[in-house]
Protein backbone atom coordinates (compact mmCIF):
# COMPACT_ATOMS: atom_id res chain seq x y z
CA MET A 1 151.51 -93.49 147.94
CA ARG A 2 152.19 -92.36 151.42
CA GLN A 3 153.39 -88.67 150.77
CA ALA A 4 150.03 -88.23 148.63
CA VAL A 5 148.02 -89.34 151.59
CA ASP A 6 149.87 -87.23 153.97
CA LYS A 7 149.31 -84.27 151.85
CA LEU A 8 145.44 -84.60 151.48
CA ILE A 9 145.71 -84.87 155.34
CA ARG A 10 147.29 -81.79 155.48
CA ASN A 11 144.89 -79.99 153.18
CA ARG A 12 142.04 -81.17 154.97
CA ASN A 13 143.38 -79.92 158.23
CA VAL A 14 144.01 -76.62 156.72
CA ARG A 15 140.49 -76.47 155.13
CA LEU A 16 139.44 -77.63 159.01
CA VAL A 17 141.23 -74.88 160.80
CA LEU A 18 140.15 -72.22 158.09
CA PHE A 19 136.91 -73.16 158.67
CA PHE A 20 136.44 -73.01 162.33
CA TRP A 21 138.52 -69.73 162.18
CA THR A 22 136.12 -68.45 159.86
CA ILE A 23 132.92 -69.75 162.20
CA SER A 24 134.77 -67.91 165.11
CA CYS A 25 135.25 -64.61 163.53
CA CYS A 26 131.59 -64.76 162.19
CA LEU A 27 130.55 -65.86 166.20
CA VAL A 28 132.84 -62.90 167.60
CA ALA A 29 130.81 -60.17 164.82
CA LEU A 30 127.70 -61.34 165.69
CA GLY A 31 128.46 -61.15 169.57
CA ALA A 32 129.88 -57.64 168.84
CA ALA A 33 126.65 -56.54 166.71
CA VAL A 34 124.75 -58.13 169.31
CA SER A 35 126.58 -56.25 172.04
CA VAL A 36 125.99 -53.06 170.19
CA ALA A 37 122.40 -53.54 169.51
CA GLU A 38 121.74 -54.26 173.23
CA THR A 39 123.89 -51.25 174.12
CA LEU A 40 121.57 -48.97 172.02
CA ASP A 41 118.57 -50.85 173.21
CA ALA A 42 119.36 -50.00 176.81
CA ASN A 43 120.62 -46.35 175.68
CA LEU A 44 117.49 -45.46 174.30
CA LYS A 45 115.44 -46.81 177.33
CA THR A 46 117.12 -44.54 179.52
CA LEU A 47 116.29 -41.61 177.20
CA GLN A 48 112.90 -42.89 177.14
CA SER A 49 112.69 -42.73 180.94
CA VAL A 50 113.68 -39.13 181.27
CA GLY A 51 110.79 -37.22 183.46
CA ASN A 52 109.63 -33.79 184.61
CA GLU A 53 111.98 -31.66 187.00
CA GLY A 54 115.02 -33.17 185.79
CA LYS A 55 114.14 -36.71 186.46
CA GLY A 56 116.83 -39.10 184.97
CA ASN A 57 118.66 -36.32 183.24
CA LEU A 58 122.09 -37.25 184.44
CA SER A 59 121.69 -40.97 183.24
CA ALA A 60 120.15 -39.59 180.09
CA ALA A 61 123.50 -37.39 179.51
CA VAL A 62 125.45 -40.12 179.44
CA ALA A 63 122.97 -42.30 177.29
CA TRP A 64 122.86 -39.87 174.68
CA GLN A 65 126.60 -39.22 174.00
CA GLU A 66 126.62 -43.02 173.37
CA VAL A 67 123.44 -42.75 170.92
CA ALA A 68 124.64 -39.73 169.46
CA GLY A 69 127.92 -41.18 168.74
CA CYS A 70 126.29 -44.49 166.83
CA GLU A 71 126.74 -44.97 162.89
CA SER A 72 123.78 -43.17 160.65
CA ASP A 73 122.43 -46.60 159.69
CA SER A 74 121.14 -46.63 163.11
CA ILE A 75 119.26 -43.43 162.77
CA PRO A 76 115.68 -45.63 161.83
CA THR A 77 115.98 -47.70 164.85
CA ILE A 78 116.55 -44.47 167.20
CA LEU A 79 113.82 -42.96 165.45
CA SER A 80 111.67 -45.91 166.44
CA ALA A 81 112.26 -44.80 170.03
CA ILE A 82 110.27 -41.75 169.59
CA ASP A 83 107.10 -44.06 169.44
CA GLY A 84 105.02 -43.36 172.38
CA ALA A 85 107.85 -41.12 174.31
CA SER A 86 107.19 -37.98 176.28
CA PRO A 87 107.94 -34.75 174.55
CA LEU A 88 111.26 -34.62 176.76
CA SER A 89 111.97 -37.84 175.90
CA ALA A 90 111.54 -37.32 172.35
CA ASN A 91 113.48 -34.07 172.46
CA TRP A 92 116.42 -35.96 173.76
CA ILE A 93 116.22 -38.82 171.03
CA ARG A 94 115.54 -35.95 168.25
CA THR A 95 118.77 -34.17 169.15
CA ALA A 96 120.75 -37.04 169.25
CA VAL A 97 119.39 -38.10 165.54
CA ASP A 98 120.27 -34.30 164.58
CA ALA A 99 124.02 -35.07 166.21
CA ILE A 100 124.40 -38.15 164.01
CA ALA A 101 122.98 -36.86 160.76
CA GLY A 102 124.93 -33.37 161.10
CA ARG A 103 128.58 -35.17 160.94
CA SER A 104 127.42 -38.34 158.66
CA LYS A 105 128.26 -37.81 154.81
CA LYS A 106 125.76 -40.59 154.07
CA ILE A 107 122.51 -41.53 155.62
CA PRO A 108 120.01 -44.15 154.88
CA LEU A 109 117.68 -42.31 153.01
CA GLU A 110 115.82 -45.43 151.52
CA ASP A 111 115.57 -46.77 154.65
CA LEU A 112 114.23 -43.44 156.20
CA GLU A 113 111.70 -43.44 153.36
CA VAL A 114 110.57 -46.99 154.40
CA PHE A 115 110.35 -45.66 157.98
CA LEU A 116 108.69 -42.37 156.81
CA LEU A 117 105.82 -44.61 155.02
CA ASP A 118 105.00 -46.68 157.95
CA VAL A 119 101.93 -44.75 159.62
CA ARG A 120 102.18 -47.27 162.60
CA HIS A 121 105.35 -45.04 163.72
CA ASP A 122 104.85 -41.60 165.77
CA PRO A 123 104.25 -38.60 163.46
CA ARG A 124 106.96 -36.92 165.33
CA ALA A 125 109.62 -39.33 164.29
CA ARG A 126 108.10 -39.67 160.81
CA ARG A 127 108.14 -36.21 160.24
CA LEU A 128 112.10 -35.67 161.52
CA ALA A 129 112.62 -38.77 159.00
CA TRP A 130 110.96 -36.66 156.23
CA GLU A 131 113.10 -33.47 157.02
CA LEU A 132 116.25 -35.52 157.14
CA ILE A 133 115.32 -36.71 153.38
CA GLN A 134 114.37 -33.16 152.54
CA GLU A 135 117.99 -31.99 153.61
CA ARG A 136 119.74 -34.63 151.57
CA ASN A 137 117.30 -35.18 148.60
CA PRO A 138 114.76 -32.11 148.12
CA ASN A 139 113.21 -33.53 145.13
CA ARG A 140 112.71 -36.87 146.47
CA ALA A 141 111.18 -35.20 149.99
CA GLU A 142 108.81 -33.06 147.57
CA ILE A 143 107.46 -35.93 145.91
CA ILE A 144 106.85 -37.84 148.99
CA ILE A 145 105.33 -34.90 150.71
CA SER A 146 102.81 -34.08 147.83
CA SER A 147 101.36 -37.97 147.89
CA MET A 148 100.64 -37.45 151.84
CA LEU A 149 97.12 -35.41 151.78
CA ASP A 150 95.52 -38.32 153.55
CA ASP A 151 98.46 -39.17 155.85
CA PRO A 152 97.31 -39.33 159.68
CA GLY A 153 100.01 -37.16 160.84
CA VAL A 154 98.85 -33.72 161.32
CA GLU A 155 102.00 -32.01 160.31
CA LEU A 156 102.80 -34.01 157.15
CA ARG A 157 99.35 -33.64 155.93
CA TYR A 158 99.66 -29.91 156.78
CA ASP A 159 102.73 -29.91 154.45
CA ALA A 160 100.85 -31.80 151.73
CA VAL A 161 97.93 -29.26 151.73
CA ASP A 162 100.17 -26.19 151.71
CA ARG A 163 102.13 -27.32 148.31
CA LEU A 164 98.37 -27.65 146.96
CA ILE A 165 97.71 -24.12 148.16
CA GLN A 166 100.96 -22.74 146.63
CA LYS A 167 100.14 -24.70 143.51
CA ALA A 168 96.66 -22.76 143.43
CA SER A 169 98.37 -19.53 143.78
CA ARG A 170 100.67 -20.11 140.63
CA ALA A 171 97.45 -21.64 138.39
CA LYS A 172 96.17 -18.77 136.07
CA GLU A 173 92.51 -20.19 135.35
CA GLU A 174 89.98 -19.81 137.95
CA LEU A 175 88.60 -22.95 137.55
CA ALA A 176 91.66 -24.91 137.82
CA VAL A 177 92.38 -22.91 141.03
CA ASN A 178 88.92 -23.83 142.42
CA GLU A 179 89.86 -27.17 141.56
CA ILE A 180 93.08 -27.65 143.51
CA LEU A 181 91.62 -25.42 146.38
CA ARG A 182 88.70 -27.89 147.02
CA LYS A 183 91.29 -30.94 146.86
CA ALA A 184 93.00 -28.87 149.18
CA LEU A 185 89.94 -28.26 151.39
CA ASP A 186 89.00 -31.93 151.09
CA ALA A 187 92.22 -32.87 152.91
CA ALA A 188 92.91 -29.86 155.27
CA ARG A 189 92.75 -30.51 159.02
CA ASN A 190 94.46 -27.31 160.34
CA VAL A 191 91.97 -24.90 161.48
CA ASP A 192 94.15 -21.88 159.85
CA GLN A 193 94.56 -23.91 156.54
CA VAL A 194 90.50 -24.51 156.27
CA LYS A 195 89.83 -20.41 157.00
CA GLN A 196 92.64 -19.57 153.99
CA ILE A 197 91.23 -22.13 151.48
CA THR A 198 87.67 -21.15 152.22
CA THR A 199 88.35 -17.30 151.97
CA ALA A 200 89.81 -17.99 148.58
CA LEU A 201 86.89 -20.27 147.48
CA ARG A 202 84.00 -18.10 148.72
CA LYS A 203 85.66 -15.27 146.68
CA SER A 204 84.78 -16.97 143.42
CA GLY A 205 81.16 -17.56 145.26
CA GLN A 206 81.94 -21.37 146.10
CA VAL A 207 79.43 -22.49 149.00
CA ILE A 208 81.49 -24.26 151.83
CA ASP A 209 79.85 -26.45 154.79
CA LEU A 210 82.49 -25.91 157.03
CA GLN A 211 79.99 -27.53 160.09
CA HIS A 212 80.06 -30.85 157.86
CA HIS A 213 83.69 -30.50 157.02
CA PHE A 214 84.75 -30.30 160.72
CA GLY A 215 82.17 -32.61 161.82
CA PHE A 216 80.57 -30.21 164.44
CA LEU A 217 77.25 -31.13 166.01
CA ALA A 218 74.31 -28.67 165.33
CA GLY A 219 71.27 -30.28 166.47
CA TRP A 220 70.44 -29.98 170.45
CA TYR A 221 68.03 -30.26 172.78
CA VAL A 222 68.51 -27.55 175.65
CA ALA A 223 67.18 -27.12 179.30
CA GLY A 224 67.80 -24.29 181.80
CA PRO A 225 68.42 -22.17 183.93
CA PHE A 226 69.26 -24.21 187.23
CA ASP A 227 70.80 -22.52 190.10
CA ASN A 228 74.50 -21.71 190.02
CA THR A 229 74.30 -19.30 193.00
CA ASP A 230 78.26 -19.12 194.21
CA GLY A 231 79.42 -21.77 192.00
CA LYS A 232 77.38 -24.33 193.65
CA GLY A 233 75.43 -25.79 190.42
CA PHE A 234 78.76 -27.46 189.08
CA ALA A 235 78.78 -30.26 192.02
CA THR A 236 74.78 -30.04 192.29
CA VAL A 237 73.40 -33.07 190.40
CA TYR A 238 70.03 -31.63 188.56
CA PRO A 239 67.57 -34.03 187.19
CA PRO A 240 69.22 -34.58 183.56
CA GLU A 241 72.25 -35.92 184.94
CA GLN A 242 70.02 -38.85 186.64
CA ASN A 243 67.89 -39.32 183.34
CA VAL A 244 67.25 -37.39 180.09
CA ASP A 245 63.58 -37.33 179.50
CA LEU A 246 62.64 -34.77 176.81
CA GLU A 247 58.81 -34.53 178.04
CA ALA A 248 60.15 -33.27 181.53
CA LEU A 249 59.09 -30.60 183.25
CA TYR A 250 62.04 -29.47 185.99
CA ALA A 251 62.09 -26.83 188.97
CA GLY A 252 64.63 -24.79 187.74
CA LYS A 253 66.02 -21.43 189.07
CA GLY A 254 62.83 -19.31 189.54
CA MET A 255 60.92 -21.06 186.75
CA GLN A 256 59.90 -24.56 185.40
CA VAL A 257 62.13 -25.82 182.80
CA LEU A 258 61.38 -27.76 179.91
CA TRP A 259 63.83 -29.18 176.97
CA HIS A 260 63.69 -27.43 173.92
CA GLU A 261 65.26 -27.81 170.36
CA PHE A 262 68.13 -25.50 169.81
CA LEU A 263 69.91 -25.53 166.18
CA THR A 264 73.09 -23.61 165.18
CA ALA A 265 73.66 -22.52 161.67
CA ASP A 266 77.09 -21.10 162.96
CA PRO A 267 79.95 -22.25 160.68
CA TYR A 268 82.20 -23.41 163.46
CA GLY A 269 79.03 -25.05 165.43
CA MET A 270 78.89 -22.49 168.13
CA VAL A 271 75.69 -23.27 170.71
CA ASP A 272 74.86 -19.95 172.27
CA ILE A 273 73.22 -20.90 175.41
CA ASN A 274 72.32 -17.04 175.64
CA LYS A 275 70.30 -17.17 172.70
CA ALA A 276 68.83 -20.68 173.86
CA ILE A 277 67.89 -19.28 177.02
CA PRO A 278 67.82 -15.45 176.90
CA GLY A 279 67.76 -13.39 179.84
CA PRO A 280 67.49 -9.87 180.88
CA GLY A 281 70.03 -7.38 179.72
CA ASP A 282 73.04 -9.10 178.60
CA GLY A 283 71.95 -12.42 179.72
CA LEU A 284 71.60 -14.68 182.93
CA LYS A 285 74.12 -15.15 185.55
CA GLU A 286 74.91 -17.77 187.93
CA VAL A 287 72.91 -20.55 186.21
CA VAL A 288 73.41 -23.99 184.67
CA ALA A 289 72.25 -25.35 181.41
CA TYR A 290 72.10 -28.70 179.83
CA ALA A 291 72.47 -29.65 175.95
CA PHE A 292 71.91 -33.04 174.92
CA THR A 293 71.85 -34.58 171.32
CA THR A 294 72.25 -37.95 169.88
CA PHE A 295 73.77 -39.72 166.75
CA THR A 296 73.70 -43.26 165.20
CA MET A 297 77.01 -44.85 164.38
CA PRO A 298 76.88 -47.83 161.78
CA VAL A 299 79.53 -49.54 163.98
CA GLU A 300 81.28 -49.15 167.45
CA ARG A 301 84.52 -47.30 167.14
CA GLU A 302 86.42 -45.05 169.40
CA VAL A 303 86.32 -41.39 168.41
CA GLU A 304 87.79 -38.03 169.94
CA VAL A 305 85.16 -35.65 171.39
CA ARG A 306 86.59 -32.05 170.67
CA LEU A 307 85.27 -29.21 172.59
CA GLY A 308 85.68 -25.52 173.10
CA CYS A 309 84.42 -23.64 176.02
CA LYS A 310 85.22 -20.79 178.19
CA ASN A 311 82.66 -21.70 181.39
CA ALA A 312 82.46 -24.58 183.57
CA TRP A 313 81.45 -27.62 182.08
CA LYS A 314 80.94 -31.40 182.60
CA ILE A 315 80.38 -33.97 179.76
CA TRP A 316 78.65 -37.47 179.49
CA GLY A 317 78.73 -39.99 176.69
CA ASN A 318 76.32 -42.82 176.65
CA GLY A 319 75.86 -41.90 180.49
CA SER A 320 79.13 -42.13 181.74
CA LEU A 321 81.32 -39.20 182.68
CA LEU A 322 83.76 -38.38 180.06
CA PHE A 323 85.40 -35.45 181.54
CA GLU A 324 85.21 -31.90 183.64
CA ARG A 325 86.42 -28.65 184.19
CA ASP A 326 85.54 -26.27 186.77
CA GLU A 327 87.14 -23.29 185.38
CA TYR A 328 85.60 -19.95 184.24
CA HIS A 329 86.49 -17.39 181.29
CA ARG A 330 90.19 -18.94 180.51
CA GLY A 331 89.87 -18.76 176.84
CA MET A 332 88.01 -20.65 174.32
CA ARG A 333 89.49 -22.21 170.79
CA ILE A 334 88.23 -25.01 168.45
CA ASP A 335 89.41 -28.51 169.93
CA GLN A 336 90.41 -26.95 173.05
CA TYR A 337 89.71 -30.21 174.43
CA ARG A 338 90.31 -33.56 173.20
CA ILE A 339 88.36 -36.37 174.95
CA PRO A 340 88.45 -40.07 173.94
CA PHE A 341 84.77 -41.66 173.68
CA GLU A 342 84.15 -45.48 172.72
CA THR A 343 81.17 -45.19 170.87
CA ARG A 344 78.78 -48.23 170.34
CA GLU A 345 76.65 -49.27 167.10
CA GLY A 346 73.61 -47.77 166.97
CA ARG A 347 72.13 -44.64 169.16
CA ASN A 348 75.05 -42.74 171.30
CA THR A 349 74.07 -39.89 173.30
CA LEU A 350 76.10 -36.85 174.66
CA LEU A 351 75.14 -34.54 177.83
CA VAL A 352 76.71 -31.30 178.39
CA LYS A 353 76.42 -29.49 181.28
CA LEU A 354 77.55 -25.62 181.21
CA CYS A 355 77.90 -23.24 183.87
CA GLN A 356 77.90 -19.36 184.03
CA ASP A 357 79.23 -17.75 187.18
CA GLY A 358 78.15 -14.18 188.30
CA GLN A 359 80.90 -12.11 186.94
CA THR A 360 79.78 -8.99 184.55
CA LYS A 361 82.58 -7.70 182.70
CA ASP A 362 82.19 -7.86 178.95
CA TRP A 363 84.42 -10.95 178.75
CA THR A 364 82.62 -12.77 180.80
CA LYS A 365 79.15 -12.65 179.04
CA GLU A 366 79.77 -15.46 176.87
CA TRP A 367 77.98 -19.13 177.59
CA GLN A 368 78.63 -21.15 174.80
CA PHE A 369 80.30 -24.26 173.47
CA GLN A 370 81.37 -25.95 170.53
CA LEU A 371 81.58 -29.75 170.08
CA ARG A 372 82.72 -32.17 167.16
CA LEU A 373 83.32 -35.75 166.55
CA CYS A 374 86.70 -37.03 164.63
CA ASP A 375 89.44 -39.26 164.71
CA ALA A 376 92.89 -38.43 165.98
CA SER A 377 93.69 -36.55 162.59
CA GLY A 378 90.72 -34.36 163.09
CA THR A 379 89.07 -36.17 160.30
CA PRO A 380 85.19 -35.94 160.99
CA VAL A 381 83.02 -38.84 162.41
CA LEU A 382 79.96 -38.47 160.96
CA GLY A 383 76.53 -40.15 162.44
CA SER A 384 74.51 -42.09 159.95
CA ASP A 385 71.49 -40.07 160.81
CA ARG A 386 73.36 -36.73 160.61
CA ARG A 387 71.04 -34.03 159.30
CA PRO A 388 71.88 -31.30 156.63
CA THR A 389 73.42 -28.33 158.06
CA PRO A 390 70.70 -25.93 159.76
CA LEU A 391 69.90 -22.89 157.62
CA HIS A 392 70.01 -19.55 159.65
CA SER A 393 66.35 -19.25 159.33
CA GLU A 394 66.00 -22.77 160.57
CA ALA A 395 68.37 -21.97 163.48
CA GLU A 396 66.59 -18.43 164.25
CA ALA A 397 63.33 -20.34 164.46
CA THR A 398 64.75 -22.56 167.50
CA HIS A 399 66.04 -19.59 169.57
CA GLY A 400 64.45 -19.08 172.72
CA GLU A 401 62.40 -16.12 173.85
CA SER A 402 63.72 -13.95 176.77
CA GLN A 403 63.35 -15.26 180.48
CA THR A 404 62.44 -13.55 183.32
CA PRO A 405 63.50 -15.43 186.49
């Protein structure tokens, strides 16, 4: 009996020893894992702090070596560090991911797909996740990208649209081609892609409303000219900046100035002030004009005001100055400037100040702008009171008569 009791005690002690040894090993492993995670987090923060002109580069070089030495299962965590990172920091992080993937036989493809489909992550990081999937499993990558026509990431959406354009090029029947291209156009946000698709559709007689597609504002009221001799008009506060009264009569540059309606039928929403306020010869010089419009929103929301203009300009939204640029003839393109604007429910206003200088060379004659409202992906935000895109005849009827200051 005594021997049996002693054996039981010994077995129990062994079990206790094994139990505590197992717990100790788990704690050590957990501590090591926490330590690794904390080290990775610290190194990623170092890479995120890289600045211009070499700021933080020495520390980043050390941190990069440690990040690049991580196992491949850390790639999604490392990609998350691109969220909100500057372009410089994102480049450091990207090259670390490339180094890990380049030496790894396997990478966490399922975790990368989960990361890719989470639109809360930075589009740059999501794009890199897709590229990693494409390298290891091209067929799966193609299935994924084909489903991303409505993705908020511009590059991923571009690739999805490109697949449809390629599909249309392989289709044999015109009806099928047009159906595919229409679907591509609905999703397209890249200007070059839109032009490519539009050109193909118009060849088959399709009518495309690009103003509506992009969200360009086509209906304006224009007042001018005001004085901009020696560029002083940019800083001068003329009456429209204090209060827009469409019935008002202003003292302009050498003449009385009234507001008058101006519609543009240009596919890309170009508002040509030289047509709104024509001058002698090639147009007025050293002058200022104002363009005013309203739109109604069903709910308050943030939008992007995207402006293209090669003249000096200021823009106000609902009476508050949003941005300004005192610069002339530096080129112009669609979406040249992207300005956040918090719209309110109901009526909203936009006022644009356009300054023309005194230069007389051919490339300085343009006095114009284009403006659209959209979200961060370029999807148009249309007012509930948006009028149909003007016909050319309607627009021509609002163009002004020659002014003689």
